[in-house]
Amino acid sequence: MSAKKFMTRDVITTVMTTSIADALFTMCQHRIHNLPVVDHKGVFVGIFGIQHLLHELLPVAVIIKSRLMGLSFVSDNPQ
């Protein structure tokens, strides 16, 4: 079996000048976790991923297991 059977043909992409807010909106709209980034010629240059963004945005204390026991301080209800 090859990857062709499981690959996505119509890939949703963004460009490097897209704002983080717009990239996240696109990801939510299409229910995807990673957004390929392409240059002005459509050539792949990288990935904008939710995991990378969360790693940068969450406080260091959350990442270090000995500091906090969970994310109870994060609201489940967006405002």
PDB file of N, CA and C in Angstrom:
ATOM      1  N   MET A   1       0.850  -1.172   0.000  1.00  0.00           N
ATOM      2  CA  MET A   1       0.000   0.000   0.000  1.00  0.00           C
ATOM      3  C   MET A   1       0.894   1.232   0.000  1.00  0.00           C
ATOM      4  N   SER A   2       0.504   2.244  -0.730  1.00  0.00           N
ATOM      5  CA  SER A   2       1.317   3.457  -0.827  1.00  0.00           C
ATOM      6  C   SER A   2       0.636   4.633  -0.128  1.00  0.00           C
ATOM      7  N   ALA A   3       1.399   5.688   0.064  1.00  0.00           N
ATOM      8  CA  ALA A   3       0.889   6.912   0.700  1.00  0.00           C
ATOM      9  C   ALA A   3      -0.190   7.565  -0.159  1.00  0.00           C
ATOM     10  N   LYS A   4      -0.155   7.305  -1.447  1.00  0.00           N
ATOM     11  CA  LYS A   4      -1.125   7.903  -2.370  1.00  0.00           C
ATOM     12  C   LYS A   4      -2.563   7.653  -1.938  1.00  0.00           C
ATOM     13  N   LYS A   5      -2.809   6.473  -1.375  1.00  0.00           N
ATOM     14  CA  LYS A   5      -4.162   6.118  -0.956  1.00  0.00           C
ATOM     15  C   LYS A   5      -4.678   7.030   0.169  1.00  0.00           C
ATOM     16  N   PHE A   6      -3.782   7.559   0.995  1.00  0.00           N
ATOM     17  CA  PHE A   6      -4.183   8.338   2.164  1.00  0.00           C
ATOM     18  C   PHE A   6      -3.869   9.827   2.059  1.00  0.00           C
ATOM     19  N   MET A   7      -3.204  10.251   1.009  1.00  0.00           N
ATOM     20  CA  MET A   7      -2.774  11.646   0.917  1.00  0.00           C
ATOM     21  C   MET A   7      -3.935  12.580   0.579  1.00  0.00           C
ATOM     22  N   THR A   8      -3.740  13.830   0.892  1.00  0.00           N
ATOM     23  CA  THR A   8      -4.698  14.874   0.557  1.00  0.00           C
ATOM     24  C   THR A   8      -4.257  15.524  -0.745  1.00  0.00           C
ATOM     25  N   ARG A   9      -5.161  15.614  -1.690  1.00  0.00           N
ATOM     26  CA  ARG A   9      -4.804  16.179  -2.992  1.00  0.00           C
ATOM     27  C   ARG A   9      -4.958  17.696  -3.024  1.00  0.00           C
ATOM     28  N   ASP A  10      -6.034  18.205  -2.477  1.00  0.00           N
ATOM     29  CA  ASP A  10      -6.291  19.645  -2.473  1.00  0.00           C
ATOM     30  C   ASP A  10      -5.814  20.235  -1.149  1.00  0.00           C
ATOM     31  N   VAL A  11      -4.528  20.490  -1.068  1.00  0.00           N
ATOM     32  CA  VAL A  11      -3.910  20.943   0.173  1.00  0.00           C
ATOM     33  C   VAL A  11      -4.177  22.423   0.387  1.00  0.00           C
ATOM     34  N   ILE A  12      -4.605  22.760   1.584  1.00  0.00           N
ATOM     35  CA  ILE A  12      -4.823  24.146   1.973  1.00  0.00           C
ATOM     36  C   ILE A  12      -3.482  24.686   2.455  1.00  0.00           C
ATOM     37  N   THR A  13      -3.065  25.830   1.913  1.00  0.00           N
ATOM     38  CA  THR A  13      -1.771  26.406   2.254  1.00  0.00           C
ATOM     39  C   THR A  13      -1.919  27.859   2.667  1.00  0.00           C
ATOM     40  N   THR A  14      -0.829  28.421   3.134  1.00  0.00           N
ATOM     41  CA  THR A  14      -0.762  29.839   3.445  1.00  0.00           C
ATOM     42  C   THR A  14       0.608  30.347   3.014  1.00  0.00           C
ATOM     43  N   VAL A  15       0.802  31.653   3.107  1.00  0.00           N
ATOM     44  CA  VAL A  15       2.089  32.269   2.768  1.00  0.00           C
ATOM     45  C   VAL A  15       2.706  32.859   4.025  1.00  0.00           C
ATOM     46  N   MET A  16       3.997  33.165   3.967  1.00  0.00           N
ATOM     47  CA  MET A  16       4.719  33.636   5.151  1.00  0.00           C
ATOM     48  C   MET A  16       4.204  34.958   5.706  1.00  0.00           C
ATOM     49  N   THR A  17       3.546  35.745   4.894  1.00  0.00           N
ATOM     50  CA  THR A  17       3.058  37.053   5.357  1.00  0.00           C
ATOM     51  C   THR A  17       1.678  36.982   6.007  1.00  0.00           C
ATOM     52  N   THR A  18       1.067  35.813   6.021  1.00  0.00           N
ATOM     53  CA  THR A  18      -0.241  35.642   6.670  1.00  0.00           C
ATOM     54  C   THR A  18      -0.104  35.850   8.169  1.00  0.00           C
ATOM     55  N   SER A  19      -1.038  36.585   8.753  1.00  0.00           N
ATOM     56  CA  SER A  19      -0.993  36.796  10.201  1.00  0.00           C
ATOM     57  C   SER A  19      -1.292  35.492  10.925  1.00  0.00           C
ATOM     58  N   ILE A  20      -0.836  35.399  12.152  1.00  0.00           N
ATOM     59  CA  ILE A  20      -1.106  34.207  12.966  1.00  0.00           C
ATOM     60  C   ILE A  20      -2.611  34.038  13.147  1.00  0.00           C
ATOM     61  N   ALA A  21      -3.317  35.133  13.369  1.00  0.00           N
ATOM     62  CA  ALA A  21      -4.766  35.068  13.547  1.00  0.00           C
ATOM     63  C   ALA A  21      -5.448  34.497  12.302  1.00  0.00           C
ATOM     64  N   ASP A  22      -5.023  34.956  11.130  1.00  0.00           N
ATOM     65  CA  ASP A  22      -5.623  34.452   9.892  1.00  0.00           C
ATOM     66  C   ASP A  22      -5.276  32.992   9.651  1.00  0.00           C
ATOM     67  N   ALA A  23      -4.033  32.610   9.967  1.00  0.00           N
ATOM     68  CA  ALA A  23      -3.630  31.207   9.810  1.00  0.00           C
ATOM     69  C   ALA A  23      -4.451  30.317  10.741  1.00  0.00           C
ATOM     70  N   LEU A  24      -4.629  30.748  11.980  1.00  0.00           N
ATOM     71  CA  LEU A  24      -5.439  29.977  12.925  1.00  0.00           C
ATOM     72  C   LEU A  24      -6.891  29.882  12.481  1.00  0.00           C
ATOM     73  N   PHE A  25      -7.417  30.974  11.952  1.00  0.00           N
ATOM     74  CA  PHE A  25      -8.795  30.960  11.452  1.00  0.00           C
ATOM     75  C   PHE A  25      -8.937  29.926  10.338  1.00  0.00           C
ATOM     76  N   THR A  26      -7.986  29.906   9.419  1.00  0.00           N
ATOM     77  CA  THR A  26      -7.999  28.935   8.327  1.00  0.00           C
ATOM     78  C   THR A  26      -7.940  27.515   8.866  1.00  0.00           C
ATOM     79  N   MET A  27      -7.081  27.288   9.849  1.00  0.00           N
ATOM     80  CA  MET A  27      -6.943  25.962  10.434  1.00  0.00           C
ATOM     81  C   MET A  27      -8.240  25.526  11.115  1.00  0.00           C
ATOM     82  N   CYS A  28      -8.875  26.423  11.841  1.00  0.00           N
ATOM     83  CA  CYS A  28     -10.144  26.098  12.504  1.00  0.00           C
ATOM     84  C   CYS A  28     -11.246  25.852  11.482  1.00  0.00           C
ATOM     85  N   GLN A  29     -11.288  26.690  10.473  1.00  0.00           N
ATOM     86  CA  GLN A  29     -12.308  26.582   9.440  1.00  0.00           C
ATOM     87  C   GLN A  29     -12.244  25.237   8.721  1.00  0.00           C
ATOM     88  N   HIS A  30     -11.040  24.738   8.507  1.00  0.00           N
ATOM     89  CA  HIS A  30     -10.855  23.489   7.775  1.00  0.00           C
ATOM     90  C   HIS A  30     -10.552  22.295   8.680  1.00  0.00           C
ATOM     91  N   ARG A  31     -10.555  22.546   9.996  1.00  0.00           N
ATOM     92  CA  ARG A  31     -10.311  21.492  10.993  1.00  0.00           C
ATOM     93  C   ARG A  31      -9.009  20.741  10.724  1.00  0.00           C
ATOM     94  N   ILE A  32      -7.932  21.527  10.597  1.00  0.00           N
ATOM     95  CA  ILE A  32      -6.609  20.950  10.379  1.00  0.00           C
ATOM     96  C   ILE A  32      -5.659  21.433  11.476  1.00  0.00           C
ATOM     97  N   HIS A  33      -4.603  20.669  11.735  1.00  0.00           N
ATOM     98  CA  HIS A  33      -3.654  21.003  12.795  1.00  0.00           C
ATOM     99  C   HIS A  33      -2.357  21.590  12.264  1.00  0.00           C
ATOM    100  N   ASN A  34      -2.101  21.420  10.985  1.00  0.00           N
ATOM    101  CA  ASN A  34      -0.893  21.929  10.362  1.00  0.00           C
ATOM    102  C   ASN A  34      -1.250  22.586   9.046  1.00  0.00           C
ATOM    103  N   LEU A  35      -0.571  23.686   8.765  1.00  0.00           N
ATOM    104  CA  LEU A  35      -0.845  24.455   7.560  1.00  0.00           C
ATOM    105  C   LEU A  35       0.464  24.642   6.806  1.00  0.00           C
ATOM    106  N   PRO A  36       0.609  24.000   5.642  1.00  0.00           N
ATOM    107  CA  PRO A  36       1.827  24.187   4.872  1.00  0.00           C
ATOM    108  C   PRO A  36       1.986  25.653   4.450  1.00  0.00           C
ATOM    109  N   VAL A  37       3.206  26.141   4.520  1.00  0.00           N
ATOM    110  CA  VAL A  37       3.518  27.507   4.114  1.00  0.00           C
ATOM    111  C   VAL A  37       4.274  27.431   2.790  1.00  0.00           C
ATOM    112  N   VAL A  38       3.842  28.230   1.814  1.00  0.00           N
ATOM    113  CA  VAL A  38       4.467  28.241   0.495  1.00  0.00           C
ATOM    114  C   VAL A  38       4.957  29.647   0.157  1.00  0.00           C
ATOM    115  N   ASP A  39       5.920  29.721  -0.759  1.00  0.00           N
ATOM    116  CA  ASP A  39       6.408  31.030  -1.200  1.00  0.00           C
ATOM    117  C   ASP A  39       5.523  31.554  -2.330  1.00  0.00           C
ATOM    118  N   HIS A  40       5.918  32.679  -2.932  1.00  0.00           N
ATOM    119  CA  HIS A  40       5.100  33.310  -3.969  1.00  0.00           C
ATOM    120  C   HIS A  40       4.964  32.451  -5.233  1.00  0.00           C
ATOM    121  N   LYS A  41       5.810  31.430  -5.373  1.00  0.00           N
ATOM    122  CA  LYS A  41       5.724  30.514  -6.515  1.00  0.00           C
ATOM    123  C   LYS A  41       4.958  29.235  -6.175  1.00  0.00           C
ATOM    124  N   GLY A  42       4.493  29.129  -4.926  1.00  0.00           N
ATOM    125  CA  GLY A  42       3.773  27.942  -4.496  1.00  0.00           C
ATOM    126  C   GLY A  42       4.669  26.818  -4.030  1.00  0.00           C
ATOM    127  N   VAL A  43       5.957  27.131  -3.817  1.00  0.00           N
ATOM    128  CA  VAL A  43       6.916  26.131  -3.366  1.00  0.00           C
ATOM    129  C   VAL A  43       6.883  26.031  -1.844  1.00  0.00           C
ATOM    130  N   PHE A  44       6.807  24.817  -1.339  1.00  0.00           N
ATOM    131  CA  PHE A  44       6.761  24.563   0.103  1.00  0.00           C
ATOM    132  C   PHE A  44       8.001  25.125   0.795  1.00  0.00           C
ATOM    133  N   VAL A  45       7.782  25.890   1.888  1.00  0.00           N
ATOM    134  CA  VAL A  45       8.903  26.440   2.662  1.00  0.00           C
ATOM    135  C   VAL A  45       8.847  26.042   4.131  1.00  0.00           C
ATOM    136  N   GLY A  46       7.719  25.501   4.597  1.00  0.00           N
ATOM    137  CA  GLY A  46       7.631  25.096   5.990  1.00  0.00           C
ATOM    138  C   GLY A  46       6.216  24.768   6.413  1.00  0.00           C
ATOM    139  N   ILE A  47       6.065  24.558   7.721  1.00  0.00           N
ATOM    140  CA  ILE A  47       4.767  24.195   8.306  1.00  0.00           C
ATOM    141  C   ILE A  47       4.444  25.163   9.437  1.00  0.00           C
ATOM    142  N   PHE A  48       3.226  25.665   9.451  1.00  0.00           N
ATOM    143  CA  PHE A  48       2.698  26.403  10.592  1.00  0.00           C
ATOM    144  C   PHE A  48       1.819  25.405  11.321  1.00  0.00           C
ATOM    145  N   GLY A  49       2.232  24.996  12.515  1.00  0.00           N
ATOM    146  CA  GLY A  49       1.500  23.966  13.231  1.00  0.00           C
ATOM    147  C   GLY A  49       0.998  24.421  14.579  1.00  0.00           C
ATOM    148  N   ILE A  50      -0.141  23.901  14.960  1.00  0.00           N
ATOM    149  CA  ILE A  50      -0.751  24.247  16.242  1.00  0.00           C
ATOM    150  C   ILE A  50       0.133  23.840  17.409  1.00  0.00           C
ATOM    151  N   GLN A  51       0.833  22.718  17.301  1.00  0.00           N
ATOM    152  CA  GLN A  51       1.717  22.280  18.383  1.00  0.00           C
ATOM    153  C   GLN A  51       2.842  23.277  18.615  1.00  0.00           C
ATOM    154  N   HIS A  52       3.431  23.771  17.542  1.00  0.00           N
ATOM    155  CA  HIS A  52       4.516  24.756  17.666  1.00  0.00           C
ATOM    156  C   HIS A  52       4.001  26.047  18.298  1.00  0.00           C
ATOM    157  N   LEU A  53       2.821  26.461  17.868  1.00  0.00           N
ATOM    158  CA  LEU A  53       2.241  27.688  18.397  1.00  0.00           C
ATOM    159  C   LEU A  53       1.924  27.551  19.879  1.00  0.00           C
ATOM    160  N   LEU A  54       1.320  26.445  20.280  1.00  0.00           N
ATOM    161  CA  LEU A  54       1.012  26.231  21.689  1.00  0.00           C
ATOM    162  C   LEU A  54       2.283  26.205  22.532  1.00  0.00           C
ATOM    163  N   HIS A  55       3.319  25.585  22.001  1.00  0.00           N
ATOM    164  CA  HIS A  55       4.596  25.533  22.717  1.00  0.00           C
ATOM    165  C   HIS A  55       5.134  26.943  22.974  1.00  0.00           C
ATOM    166  N   GLU A  56       4.965  27.835  22.016  1.00  0.00           N
ATOM    167  CA  GLU A  56       5.454  29.203  22.167  1.00  0.00           C
ATOM    168  C   GLU A  56       4.553  30.047  23.065  1.00  0.00           C
ATOM    169  N   LEU A  57       3.263  29.767  23.051  1.00  0.00           N
ATOM    170  CA  LEU A  57       2.317  30.618  23.770  1.00  0.00           C
ATOM    171  C   LEU A  57       2.071  30.222  25.218  1.00  0.00           C
ATOM    172  N   LEU A  58       2.150  28.926  25.506  1.00  0.00           N
ATOM    173  CA  LEU A  58       1.893  28.494  26.877  1.00  0.00           C
ATOM    174  C   LEU A  58       3.054  28.903  27.781  1.00  0.00           C
ATOM    175  N   PRO A  59       2.747  29.274  28.986  1.00  0.00           N
ATOM    176  CA  PRO A  59       3.812  29.657  29.907  1.00  0.00           C
ATOM    177  C   PRO A  59       4.782  28.505  30.146  1.00  0.00           C
ATOM    178  N   VAL A  60       6.017  28.839  30.352  1.00  0.00           N
ATOM    179  CA  VAL A  60       7.050  27.843  30.607  1.00  0.00           C
ATOM    180  C   VAL A  60       6.678  26.976  31.809  1.00  0.00           C
ATOM    181  N   ALA A  61       6.010  27.539  32.772  1.00  0.00           N
ATOM    182  CA  ALA A  61       5.631  26.791  33.969  1.00  0.00           C
ATOM    183  C   ALA A  61       4.741  25.598  33.644  1.00  0.00           C
ATOM    184  N   VAL A  62       3.936  25.707  32.603  1.00  0.00           N
ATOM    185  CA  VAL A  62       3.051  24.608  32.215  1.00  0.00           C
ATOM    186  C   VAL A  62       3.865  23.487  31.579  1.00  0.00           C
ATOM    187  N   ILE A  63       4.881  23.858  30.829  1.00  0.00           N
ATOM    188  CA  ILE A  63       5.702  22.878  30.130  1.00  0.00           C
ATOM    189  C   ILE A  63       6.556  22.084  31.112  1.00  0.00           C
ATOM    190  N   ILE A  64       7.028  22.735  32.160  1.00  0.00           N
ATOM    191  CA  ILE A  64       7.854  22.070  33.162  1.00  0.00           C
ATOM    192  C   ILE A  64       6.921  21.348  34.131  1.00  0.00           C
ATOM    193  N   LYS A  65       6.910  20.041  34.087  1.00  0.00           N
ATOM    194  CA  LYS A  65       5.938  19.241  34.852  1.00  0.00           C
ATOM    195  C   LYS A  65       5.976  19.501  36.347  1.00  0.00           C
ATOM    196  N   SER A  66       7.100  19.831  36.891  1.00  0.00           N
ATOM    197  CA  SER A  66       7.194  19.998  38.341  1.00  0.00           C
ATOM    198  C   SER A  66       6.574  21.304  38.830  1.00  0.00           C
ATOM    199  N   ARG A  67       6.231  22.197  37.934  1.00  0.00           N
ATOM    200  CA  ARG A  67       5.703  23.506  38.347  1.00  0.00           C
ATOM    201  C   ARG A  67       4.189  23.522  38.552  1.00  0.00           C
ATOM    202  N   LEU A  68       3.436  23.087  37.556  1.00  0.00           N
ATOM    203  CA  LEU A  68       1.969  23.138  37.641  1.00  0.00           C
ATOM    204  C   LEU A  68       1.382  21.765  37.353  1.00  0.00           C
ATOM    205  N   MET A  69       0.296  21.485  37.986  1.00  0.00           N
ATOM    206  CA  MET A  69      -0.372  20.200  37.783  1.00  0.00           C
ATOM    207  C   MET A  69      -1.622  20.412  36.925  1.00  0.00           C
ATOM    208  N   GLY A  70      -1.457  20.690  35.658  1.00  0.00           N
ATOM    209  CA  GLY A  70      -2.598  20.840  34.764  1.00  0.00           C
ATOM    210  C   GLY A  70      -2.773  22.259  34.273  1.00  0.00           C
ATOM    211  N   LEU A  71      -3.842  22.441  33.546  1.00  0.00           N
ATOM    212  CA  LEU A  71      -4.150  23.734  32.946  1.00  0.00           C
ATOM    213  C   LEU A  71      -5.470  24.281  33.464  1.00  0.00           C
ATOM    214  N   SER A  72      -5.756  24.091  34.720  1.00  0.00           N
ATOM    215  CA  SER A  72      -7.028  24.510  35.281  1.00  0.00           C
ATOM    216  C   SER A  72      -7.231  26.022  35.207  1.00  0.00           C
ATOM    217  N   PHE A  73      -6.149  26.773  35.052  1.00  0.00           N
ATOM    218  CA  PHE A  73      -6.264  28.222  34.976  1.00  0.00           C
ATOM    219  C   PHE A  73      -6.699  28.681  33.572  1.00  0.00           C
ATOM    220  N   VAL A  74      -6.751  27.781  32.593  1.00  0.00           N
ATOM    221  CA  VAL A  74      -7.175  28.126  31.246  1.00  0.00           C
ATOM    222  C   VAL A  74      -8.663  27.876  31.122  1.00  0.00           C
ATOM    223  N   SER A  75      -9.405  28.877  30.675  1.00  0.00           N
ATOM    224  CA  SER A  75     -10.850  28.786  30.557  1.00  0.00           C
ATOM    225  C   SER A  75     -11.253  27.911  29.378  1.00  0.00           C
ATOM    226  N   ASP A  76     -12.334  27.157  29.534  1.00  0.00           N
ATOM    227  CA  ASP A  76     -12.889  26.369  28.446  1.00  0.00           C
ATOM    228  C   ASP A  76     -13.814  27.209  27.564  1.00  0.00           C
ATOM    229  N   ASN A  77     -14.153  28.392  28.034  1.00  0.00           N
ATOM    230  CA  ASN A  77     -15.091  29.247  27.313  1.00  0.00           C
ATOM    231  C   ASN A  77     -14.370  30.448  26.706  1.00  0.00           C
ATOM    232  N   PRO A  78     -14.227  30.491  25.379  1.00  0.00           N
ATOM    233  CA  PRO A  78     -13.591  31.662  24.760  1.00  0.00           C
ATOM    234  C   PRO A  78     -14.449  32.905  24.957  1.00  0.00           C
ATOM    235  N   GLN A  79     -13.798  34.033  25.086  1.00  0.00           N
ATOM    236  CA  GLN A  79     -14.547  35.278  25.302  1.00  0.00           C
ATOM    237  C   GLN A  79     -14.461  36.194  24.118  1.00  0.00           C
TER     238      GLN A  79
END
